[in-house]
Amino acid sequence: MPLIQISQISGLTAAQKRETIAAVTKAYAEATGKDASSVWVTITEVPREHWGVGGEPLG
């Protein structure tokens, strides 16, 4: 069971999440030859103020 985890800044709509999950699943299945029905995808939305890049907070 492949598990793909996506962490990102909050803000995707439910439709965007559905599209993202479908696209990532399809791409992974095509690239690896795995059955798409065995691919799990999680999206974790993290508030902007909890992210930092280059030692600086985004929020």
PDB file of N, CA and C in Angstrom:
ATOM      1  N   MET A   1       0.838  -1.173   0.000  1.00  0.00           N
ATOM      2  CA  MET A   1       0.000   0.000   0.000  1.00  0.00           C
ATOM      3  C   MET A   1       0.891   1.246   0.000  1.00  0.00           C
ATOM      4  N   PRO A   2       1.052   1.905  -1.128  1.00  0.00           N
ATOM      5  CA  PRO A   2       1.795   3.157  -1.159  1.00  0.00           C
ATOM      6  C   PRO A   2       0.997   4.261  -0.462  1.00  0.00           C
ATOM      7  N   LEU A   3       1.691   5.083   0.299  1.00  0.00           N
ATOM      8  CA  LEU A   3       1.069   6.226   0.965  1.00  0.00           C
ATOM      9  C   LEU A   3       1.821   7.479   0.557  1.00  0.00           C
ATOM     10  N   ILE A   4       1.113   8.423  -0.039  1.00  0.00           N
ATOM     11  CA  ILE A   4       1.696   9.697  -0.452  1.00  0.00           C
ATOM     12  C   ILE A   4       1.132  10.769   0.472  1.00  0.00           C
ATOM     13  N   GLN A   5       2.015  11.506   1.129  1.00  0.00           N
ATOM     14  CA  GLN A   5       1.597  12.536   2.072  1.00  0.00           C
ATOM     15  C   GLN A   5       1.975  13.901   1.526  1.00  0.00           C
ATOM     16  N   ILE A   6       1.003  14.794   1.506  1.00  0.00           N
ATOM     17  CA  ILE A   6       1.219  16.152   1.028  1.00  0.00           C
ATOM     18  C   ILE A   6       0.971  17.097   2.196  1.00  0.00           C
ATOM     19  N   SER A   7       1.937  17.929   2.512  1.00  0.00           N
ATOM     20  CA  SER A   7       1.765  18.980   3.525  1.00  0.00           C
ATOM     21  C   SER A   7       1.840  20.306   2.806  1.00  0.00           C
ATOM     22  N   GLN A   8       0.908  21.183   3.114  1.00  0.00           N
ATOM     23  CA  GLN A   8       0.896  22.475   2.441  1.00  0.00           C
ATOM     24  C   GLN A   8       0.171  23.502   3.279  1.00  0.00           C
ATOM     25  N   ILE A   9       0.312  24.749   2.871  1.00  0.00           N
ATOM     26  CA  ILE A   9      -0.381  25.853   3.534  1.00  0.00           C
ATOM     27  C   ILE A   9      -1.881  25.680   3.318  1.00  0.00           C
ATOM     28  N   SER A  10      -2.661  25.992   4.322  1.00  0.00           N
ATOM     29  CA  SER A  10      -4.123  25.887   4.255  1.00  0.00           C
ATOM     30  C   SER A  10      -4.681  26.720   3.116  1.00  0.00           C
ATOM     31  N   GLY A  11      -5.821  26.265   2.577  1.00  0.00           N
ATOM     32  CA  GLY A  11      -6.490  27.090   1.603  1.00  0.00           C
ATOM     33  C   GLY A  11      -7.111  26.376   0.417  1.00  0.00           C
ATOM     34  N   LEU A  12      -6.857  25.083   0.244  1.00  0.00           N
ATOM     35  CA  LEU A  12      -7.470  24.385  -0.874  1.00  0.00           C
ATOM     36  C   LEU A  12      -8.962  24.183  -0.626  1.00  0.00           C
ATOM     37  N   THR A  13      -9.726  24.278  -1.682  1.00  0.00           N
ATOM     38  CA  THR A  13     -11.150  23.964  -1.585  1.00  0.00           C
ATOM     39  C   THR A  13     -11.311  22.444  -1.608  1.00  0.00           C
ATOM     40  N   ALA A  14     -12.501  21.973  -1.267  1.00  0.00           N
ATOM     41  CA  ALA A  14     -12.772  20.540  -1.315  1.00  0.00           C
ATOM     42  C   ALA A  14     -12.580  20.009  -2.737  1.00  0.00           C
ATOM     43  N   ALA A  15     -13.007  20.787  -3.726  1.00  0.00           N
ATOM     44  CA  ALA A  15     -12.844  20.366  -5.126  1.00  0.00           C
ATOM     45  C   ALA A  15     -11.368  20.273  -5.496  1.00  0.00           C
ATOM     46  N   GLN A  16     -10.556  21.212  -5.060  1.00  0.00           N
ATOM     47  CA  GLN A  16      -9.122  21.178  -5.354  1.00  0.00           C
ATOM     48  C   GLN A  16      -8.457  19.974  -4.686  1.00  0.00           C
ATOM     49  N   LYS A  17      -8.900  19.642  -3.488  1.00  0.00           N
ATOM     50  CA  LYS A  17      -8.350  18.462  -2.811  1.00  0.00           C
ATOM     51  C   LYS A  17      -8.704  17.197  -3.585  1.00  0.00           C
ATOM     52  N   ARG A  18      -9.946  17.077  -4.028  1.00  0.00           N
ATOM     53  CA  ARG A  18     -10.356  15.908  -4.811  1.00  0.00           C
ATOM     54  C   ARG A  18      -9.524  15.797  -6.085  1.00  0.00           C
ATOM     55  N   GLU A  19      -9.345  16.923  -6.775  1.00  0.00           N
ATOM     56  CA  GLU A  19      -8.567  16.923  -8.016  1.00  0.00           C
ATOM     57  C   GLU A  19      -7.106  16.567  -7.759  1.00  0.00           C
ATOM     58  N   THR A  20      -6.545  17.088  -6.690  1.00  0.00           N
ATOM     59  CA  THR A  20      -5.157  16.799  -6.333  1.00  0.00           C
ATOM     60  C   THR A  20      -4.973  15.324  -6.025  1.00  0.00           C
ATOM     61  N   ILE A  21      -5.864  14.771  -5.223  1.00  0.00           N
ATOM     62  CA  ILE A  21      -5.781  13.353  -4.866  1.00  0.00           C
ATOM     63  C   ILE A  21      -5.880  12.488  -6.117  1.00  0.00           C
ATOM     64  N   ALA A  22      -6.809  12.813  -6.994  1.00  0.00           N
ATOM     65  CA  ALA A  22      -6.974  12.039  -8.231  1.00  0.00           C
ATOM     66  C   ALA A  22      -5.728  12.132  -9.113  1.00  0.00           C
ATOM     67  N   ALA A  23      -5.186  13.333  -9.269  1.00  0.00           N
ATOM     68  CA  ALA A  23      -4.031  13.534 -10.145  1.00  0.00           C
ATOM     69  C   ALA A  23      -2.776  12.855  -9.596  1.00  0.00           C
ATOM     70  N   VAL A  24      -2.553  12.971  -8.294  1.00  0.00           N
ATOM     71  CA  VAL A  24      -1.376  12.355  -7.684  1.00  0.00           C
ATOM     72  C   VAL A  24      -1.487  10.829  -7.760  1.00  0.00           C
ATOM     73  N   THR A  25      -2.663  10.312  -7.488  1.00  0.00           N
ATOM     74  CA  THR A  25      -2.876   8.862  -7.564  1.00  0.00           C
ATOM     75  C   THR A  25      -2.607   8.362  -8.974  1.00  0.00           C
ATOM     76  N   LYS A  26      -3.159   9.037  -9.965  1.00  0.00           N
ATOM     77  CA  LYS A  26      -2.975   8.635 -11.361  1.00  0.00           C
ATOM     78  C   LYS A  26      -1.495   8.677 -11.757  1.00  0.00           C
ATOM     79  N   ALA A  27      -0.813   9.757 -11.408  1.00  0.00           N
ATOM     80  CA  ALA A  27       0.599   9.902 -11.768  1.00  0.00           C
ATOM     81  C   ALA A  27       1.446   8.808 -11.120  1.00  0.00           C
ATOM     82  N   TYR A  28       1.191   8.521  -9.862  1.00  0.00           N
ATOM     83  CA  TYR A  28       1.960   7.493  -9.167  1.00  0.00           C
ATOM     84  C   TYR A  28       1.706   6.118  -9.775  1.00  0.00           C
ATOM     85  N   ALA A  29       0.446   5.812 -10.017  1.00  0.00           N
ATOM     86  CA  ALA A  29       0.093   4.510 -10.594  1.00  0.00           C
ATOM     87  C   ALA A  29       0.729   4.336 -11.970  1.00  0.00           C
ATOM     88  N   GLU A  30       0.706   5.368 -12.787  1.00  0.00           N
ATOM     89  CA  GLU A  30       1.312   5.296 -14.114  1.00  0.00           C
ATOM     90  C   GLU A  30       2.826   5.148 -14.036  1.00  0.00           C
ATOM     91  N   ALA A  31       3.455   5.859 -13.121  1.00  0.00           N
ATOM     92  CA  ALA A  31       4.918   5.832 -13.015  1.00  0.00           C
ATOM     93  C   ALA A  31       5.442   4.530 -12.445  1.00  0.00           C
ATOM     94  N   THR A  32       4.657   3.887 -11.579  1.00  0.00           N
ATOM     95  CA  THR A  32       5.151   2.696 -10.879  1.00  0.00           C
ATOM     96  C   THR A  32       4.510   1.397 -11.340  1.00  0.00           C
ATOM     97  N   GLY A  33       3.418   1.503 -12.084  1.00  0.00           N
ATOM     98  CA  GLY A  33       2.705   0.302 -12.489  1.00  0.00           C
ATOM     99  C   GLY A  33       1.829  -0.275 -11.397  1.00  0.00           C
ATOM    100  N   LYS A  34       1.687   0.441 -10.294  1.00  0.00           N
ATOM    101  CA  LYS A  34       0.832  -0.004  -9.190  1.00  0.00           C
ATOM    102  C   LYS A  34      -0.623   0.204  -9.551  1.00  0.00           C
ATOM    103  N   ASP A  35      -1.487  -0.593  -8.942  1.00  0.00           N
ATOM    104  CA  ASP A  35      -2.922  -0.432  -9.108  1.00  0.00           C
ATOM    105  C   ASP A  35      -3.354   0.827  -8.364  1.00  0.00           C
ATOM    106  N   ALA A  36      -4.003   1.753  -9.046  1.00  0.00           N
ATOM    107  CA  ALA A  36      -4.422   3.022  -8.443  1.00  0.00           C
ATOM    108  C   ALA A  36      -5.290   2.813  -7.209  1.00  0.00           C
ATOM    109  N   SER A  37      -6.029   1.710  -7.158  1.00  0.00           N
ATOM    110  CA  SER A  37      -6.905   1.479  -6.005  1.00  0.00           C
ATOM    111  C   SER A  37      -6.127   1.168  -4.728  1.00  0.00           C
ATOM    112  N   SER A  38      -4.819   0.893  -4.860  1.00  0.00           N
ATOM    113  CA  SER A  38      -4.004   0.611  -3.677  1.00  0.00           C
ATOM    114  C   SER A  38      -3.242   1.842  -3.177  1.00  0.00           C
ATOM    115  N   VAL A  39      -3.363   2.959  -3.881  1.00  0.00           N
ATOM    116  CA  VAL A  39      -2.610   4.173  -3.539  1.00  0.00           C
ATOM    117  C   VAL A  39      -3.416   5.039  -2.570  1.00  0.00           C
ATOM    118  N   TRP A  40      -2.799   5.362  -1.455  1.00  0.00           N
ATOM    119  CA  TRP A  40      -3.413   6.245  -0.462  1.00  0.00           C
ATOM    120  C   TRP A  40      -2.740   7.610  -0.562  1.00  0.00           C
ATOM    121  N   VAL A  41      -3.536   8.672  -0.432  1.00  0.00           N
ATOM    122  CA  VAL A  41      -3.012  10.045  -0.455  1.00  0.00           C
ATOM    123  C   VAL A  41      -3.624  10.799   0.721  1.00  0.00           C
ATOM    124  N   THR A  42      -2.784  11.483   1.469  1.00  0.00           N
ATOM    125  CA  THR A  42      -3.283  12.367   2.526  1.00  0.00           C
ATOM    126  C   THR A  42      -2.827  13.785   2.225  1.00  0.00           C
ATOM    127  N   ILE A  43      -3.687  14.742   2.549  1.00  0.00           N
ATOM    128  CA  ILE A  43      -3.332  16.158   2.441  1.00  0.00           C
ATOM    129  C   ILE A  43      -3.459  16.755   3.831  1.00  0.00           C
ATOM    130  N   THR A  44      -2.357  17.274   4.327  1.00  0.00           N
ATOM    131  CA  THR A  44      -2.352  17.931   5.627  1.00  0.00           C
ATOM    132  C   THR A  44      -2.168  19.422   5.390  1.00  0.00           C
ATOM    133  N   GLU A  45      -3.157  20.191   5.802  1.00  0.00           N
ATOM    134  CA  GLU A  45      -3.054  21.642   5.655  1.00  0.00           C
ATOM    135  C   GLU A  45      -2.522  22.229   6.961  1.00  0.00           C
ATOM    136  N   VAL A  46      -1.486  23.015   6.825  1.00  0.00           N
ATOM    137  CA  VAL A  46      -0.809  23.610   7.968  1.00  0.00           C
ATOM    138  C   VAL A  46      -0.967  25.126   7.877  1.00  0.00           C
ATOM    139  N   PRO A  47      -1.377  25.788   8.970  1.00  0.00           N
ATOM    140  CA  PRO A  47      -1.502  27.242   8.923  1.00  0.00           C
ATOM    141  C   PRO A  47      -0.184  27.905   8.511  1.00  0.00           C
ATOM    142  N   ARG A  48      -0.294  28.971   7.758  1.00  0.00           N
ATOM    143  CA  ARG A  48       0.878  29.683   7.231  1.00  0.00           C
ATOM    144  C   ARG A  48       1.884  30.039   8.323  1.00  0.00           C
ATOM    145  N   GLU A  49       1.401  30.422   9.497  1.00  0.00           N
ATOM    146  CA  GLU A  49       2.300  30.840  10.571  1.00  0.00           C
ATOM    147  C   GLU A  49       3.090  29.679  11.177  1.00  0.00           C
ATOM    148  N   HIS A  50       2.762  28.449  10.798  1.00  0.00           N
ATOM    149  CA  HIS A  50       3.492  27.288  11.290  1.00  0.00           C
ATOM    150  C   HIS A  50       4.582  26.833  10.321  1.00  0.00           C
ATOM    151  N   TRP A  51       4.787  27.561   9.239  1.00  0.00           N
ATOM    152  CA  TRP A  51       5.800  27.234   8.241  1.00  0.00           C
ATOM    153  C   TRP A  51       6.972  28.209   8.344  1.00  0.00           C
ATOM    154  N   GLY A  52       8.134  27.729   8.010  1.00  0.00           N
ATOM    155  CA  GLY A  52       9.292  28.590   7.912  1.00  0.00           C
ATOM    156  C   GLY A  52      10.154  28.148   6.734  1.00  0.00           C
ATOM    157  N   VAL A  53      10.764  29.122   6.075  1.00  0.00           N
ATOM    158  CA  VAL A  53      11.660  28.832   4.953  1.00  0.00           C
ATOM    159  C   VAL A  53      12.912  29.665   5.127  1.00  0.00           C
ATOM    160  N   GLY A  54      14.050  29.020   5.013  1.00  0.00           N
ATOM    161  CA  GLY A  54      15.318  29.741   5.137  1.00  0.00           C
ATOM    162  C   GLY A  54      15.500  30.394   6.500  1.00  0.00           C
ATOM    163  N   GLY A  55      14.923  29.801   7.530  1.00  0.00           N
ATOM    164  CA  GLY A  55      15.062  30.337   8.871  1.00  0.00           C
ATOM    165  C   GLY A  55      14.080  31.435   9.216  1.00  0.00           C
ATOM    166  N   GLU A  56      13.179  31.739   8.297  1.00  0.00           N
ATOM    167  CA  GLU A  56      12.204  32.812   8.521  1.00  0.00           C
ATOM    168  C   GLU A  56      10.779  32.257   8.491  1.00  0.00           C
ATOM    169  N   PRO A  57       9.941  32.665   9.450  1.00  0.00           N
ATOM    170  CA  PRO A  57       8.541  32.223   9.409  1.00  0.00           C
ATOM    171  C   PRO A  57       7.786  32.873   8.262  1.00  0.00           C
ATOM    172  N   LEU A  58       6.831  32.138   7.699  1.00  0.00           N
ATOM    173  CA  LEU A  58       6.021  32.691   6.610  1.00  0.00           C
ATOM    174  C   LEU A  58       4.892  33.570   7.117  1.00  0.00           C
ATOM    175  N   GLY A  59       4.414  33.275   8.318  1.00  0.00           N
ATOM    176  CA  GLY A  59       3.224  33.955   8.824  1.00  0.00           C
ATOM    177  C   GLY A  59       3.474  35.256   9.510  1.00  0.00           C
TER     178      GLY A  59
END
